[in-house]
Amino acid sequence: MSATDSGERKIVTFSLGDRMFGIDMRTLIEIREWEAPTPLPKVPAYIKGVANLRGTVIPIVGLAERLGWEPSVPHARSCILVVSIGGKQAGFLVDEVADIVLIKGSEIQPAPEIEIDEPGVIAGLVQVGARDHDDAANEAGSMVLLLDLDSLNVIRQMELAA
């Protein structure tokens, strides 16, 4: 997701802890309820295991752990974002899906320097407006960190572990 791209696009926003993230809607295959995956030996700790998606086995990644933060503890609103990365599928455990919003490429700001172990994972950030105007605290909207899914190297890690 480039800051120089001026076209409109839809992003799916979701939370991890107290942070709001977004991914390009074109990468999203589906949103699934949290279901414990089948664990695998000798994989990085952030790979929770694998799940069967209509006959295709996909890795399930704890996104908070992959970003170097405390692991998300699955709860009633937790879900899996099934995405396509480089022609392969993976699922990301997130705390809660928030919304689908339309943004302009010109609104995307350069990636901030935050406490993520790997640079390049955050493609940029964008201010999104609040939809619920009854919530005064939310009226200004929130900053959304846009993820570069390719930079997460999840598929490569799964192939190395196999």
Protein backbone atom coordinates (compact mmCIF):
# COMPACT_ATOMS: atom_id res chain seq x y z
CA MET A 1 0.00 0.00 0.00
CA SER A 2 1.87 3.04 -1.21
CA ALA A 3 1.50 6.57 0.08
CA THR A 4 1.91 7.81 -3.49
CA ASP A 5 -1.13 5.92 -4.73
CA SER A 6 -3.98 8.45 -4.96
CA GLY A 7 -6.87 6.09 -5.86
CA GLU A 8 -9.65 5.11 -3.51
CA ARG A 9 -9.61 1.73 -1.83
CA LYS A 10 -11.46 -0.16 0.83
CA ILE A 11 -9.70 -1.33 3.94
CA VAL A 12 -10.83 -3.70 6.67
CA THR A 13 -10.07 -2.27 10.10
CA PHE A 14 -9.51 -4.37 13.19
CA SER A 15 -8.05 -4.09 16.66
CA LEU A 16 -5.11 -5.71 18.38
CA GLY A 17 -5.08 -4.61 21.98
CA ASP A 18 -5.56 -0.83 21.97
CA ARG A 19 -4.23 -0.34 18.42
CA MET A 20 -6.29 -0.13 15.23
CA PHE A 21 -4.98 -1.75 12.05
CA GLY A 22 -6.14 -2.03 8.49
CA ILE A 23 -5.52 -4.27 5.50
CA ASP A 24 -6.49 -3.78 1.89
CA MET A 25 -9.92 -5.33 1.25
CA ARG A 26 -8.61 -6.91 -1.97
CA THR A 27 -6.44 -9.28 0.10
CA LEU A 28 -9.33 -10.45 2.32
CA ILE A 29 -10.92 -13.79 1.47
CA GLU A 30 -13.21 -14.09 4.48
CA ILE A 31 -13.68 -13.38 8.18
CA ARG A 32 -14.08 -16.49 10.35
CA GLU A 33 -15.02 -17.00 13.96
CA TRP A 34 -12.12 -17.98 16.18
CA GLU A 35 -11.61 -21.72 16.31
CA ALA A 36 -8.51 -23.25 17.83
CA PRO A 37 -6.21 -24.47 15.03
CA THR A 38 -4.32 -27.77 14.91
CA PRO A 39 -0.86 -27.10 16.39
CA LEU A 40 2.32 -27.88 14.45
CA PRO A 41 5.78 -28.78 15.78
CA LYS A 42 8.91 -26.74 14.99
CA VAL A 43 7.20 -23.55 13.82
CA PRO A 44 7.70 -20.02 15.19
CA ALA A 45 5.63 -19.31 18.31
CA TYR A 46 3.40 -16.83 16.45
CA ILE A 47 2.12 -19.60 14.16
CA LYS A 48 -0.77 -20.98 16.18
CA GLY A 49 -1.24 -23.97 13.89
CA VAL A 50 -3.25 -24.78 10.80
CA ALA A 51 -6.94 -24.85 9.90
CA ASN A 52 -8.91 -26.41 7.08
CA LEU A 53 -10.60 -23.85 4.83
CA ARG A 54 -12.86 -25.78 2.45
CA GLY A 55 -10.20 -28.40 1.76
CA THR A 56 -7.21 -26.04 1.85
CA VAL A 57 -4.90 -26.13 4.86
CA ILE A 58 -3.89 -22.61 5.92
CA PRO A 59 -1.54 -21.36 8.65
CA ILE A 60 -3.14 -19.44 11.51
CA VAL A 61 -0.94 -16.62 12.76
CA GLY A 62 -1.19 -14.76 16.05
CA LEU A 63 -0.80 -11.30 14.53
CA ALA A 64 0.04 -9.55 17.82
CA GLU A 65 2.86 -12.04 18.42
CA ARG A 66 4.06 -11.73 14.84
CA LEU A 67 4.39 -7.98 15.40
CA GLY A 68 6.42 -8.60 18.57
CA TRP A 69 3.72 -7.75 21.12
CA GLU A 70 1.98 -9.74 23.85
CA PRO A 71 -0.11 -12.56 22.37
CA SER A 72 -3.82 -11.96 21.90
CA VAL A 73 -5.97 -14.06 24.18
CA PRO A 74 -8.90 -15.39 22.11
CA HIS A 75 -12.30 -14.23 23.37
CA ALA A 76 -15.89 -14.05 22.10
CA ARG A 77 -15.15 -11.25 19.57
CA SER A 78 -11.85 -12.67 18.33
CA CYS A 79 -11.80 -13.76 14.72
CA ILE A 80 -9.57 -14.93 11.91
CA LEU A 81 -8.97 -12.76 8.87
CA VAL A 82 -8.29 -15.15 5.99
CA VAL A 83 -6.14 -13.34 3.43
CA SER A 84 -4.30 -14.02 0.21
CA ILE A 85 -0.57 -13.25 0.31
CA GLY A 86 1.41 -13.85 -2.84
CA GLY A 87 -1.16 -16.31 -4.14
CA LYS A 88 -1.21 -18.30 -0.87
CA GLN A 89 -3.70 -18.14 1.97
CA ALA A 90 -3.14 -17.48 5.67
CA GLY A 91 -5.34 -16.63 8.64
CA PHE A 92 -4.59 -13.90 11.18
CA LEU A 93 -5.96 -13.94 14.73
CA VAL A 94 -7.23 -10.44 15.57
CA ASP A 95 -9.03 -9.14 18.65
CA GLU A 96 -12.01 -7.68 16.83
CA VAL A 97 -12.99 -6.61 13.31
CA ALA A 98 -14.16 -2.99 13.39
CA ASP A 99 -15.31 -1.80 9.98
CA ILE A 100 -14.78 -1.59 6.24
CA VAL A 101 -13.89 1.96 5.23
CA LEU A 102 -13.12 3.77 2.01
CA ILE A 103 -9.85 5.73 2.00
CA LYS A 104 -7.92 7.73 -0.57
CA GLY A 105 -4.31 6.89 -1.29
CA SER A 106 -3.47 10.57 -0.82
CA GLU A 107 -4.66 10.33 2.82
CA ILE A 108 -2.06 7.68 3.70
CA GLN A 109 0.79 9.10 5.79
CA PRO A 110 4.30 7.58 5.93
CA ALA A 111 4.80 4.67 8.32
CA PRO A 112 5.62 5.72 11.87
CA GLU A 113 8.56 4.30 13.79
CA ILE A 114 6.90 2.07 16.37
CA GLU A 115 8.01 -0.86 18.46
CA ILE A 116 7.87 -3.54 15.78
CA ASP A 117 10.86 -5.81 15.39
CA GLU A 118 10.84 -5.62 11.60
CA PRO A 119 10.73 -2.44 9.55
CA GLY A 120 8.41 -2.33 6.55
CA VAL A 121 5.53 -4.21 8.17
CA ILE A 122 3.59 -0.97 8.60
CA ALA A 123 2.92 0.49 5.15
CA GLY A 124 1.55 3.76 6.50
CA LEU A 125 -1.24 5.22 8.58
CA VAL A 126 -4.50 6.91 7.84
CA GLN A 127 -7.09 8.81 9.88
CA VAL A 128 -10.53 7.25 9.57
CA GLY A 129 -13.70 8.99 10.69
CA ALA A 130 -16.02 7.59 13.30
CA ARG A 131 -19.34 6.17 12.11
CA ASP A 132 -21.07 6.28 15.49
CA HIS A 133 -21.65 9.97 16.19
CA ASP A 134 -23.26 9.22 19.56
CA ASP A 135 -19.85 8.36 20.99
CA ALA A 136 -18.21 11.73 21.71
CA ALA A 137 -14.83 10.12 22.41
CA ASN A 138 -14.84 8.59 18.95
CA GLU A 139 -16.02 11.64 16.98
CA ALA A 140 -12.56 12.51 15.71
CA GLY A 141 -12.09 8.96 14.44
CA SER A 142 -8.89 7.02 14.91
CA MET A 143 -5.51 6.46 13.37
CA VAL A 144 -5.24 3.15 11.56
CA LEU A 145 -1.89 1.45 10.98
CA LEU A 146 -1.92 -0.10 7.50
CA LEU A 147 -0.21 -3.49 7.33
CA ASP A 148 1.96 -4.66 4.45
CA LEU A 149 1.03 -8.35 4.51
CA ASP A 150 3.88 -9.37 2.19
CA SER A 151 6.42 -7.97 4.68
CA LEU A 152 5.17 -10.34 7.39
CA ASN A 153 6.89 -13.30 5.62
CA VAL A 154 4.34 -15.71 7.11
CA ILE A 155 4.18 -18.04 4.09
CA ARG A 156 7.98 -18.22 3.88
CA GLN A 157 8.19 -19.15 7.58
CA MET A 158 5.65 -21.95 7.06
CA GLU A 159 7.61 -23.29 4.09
CA LEU A 160 10.86 -23.25 6.10
CA ALA A 161 9.19 -25.13 8.96
CA ALA A 162 7.77 -27.84 6.70
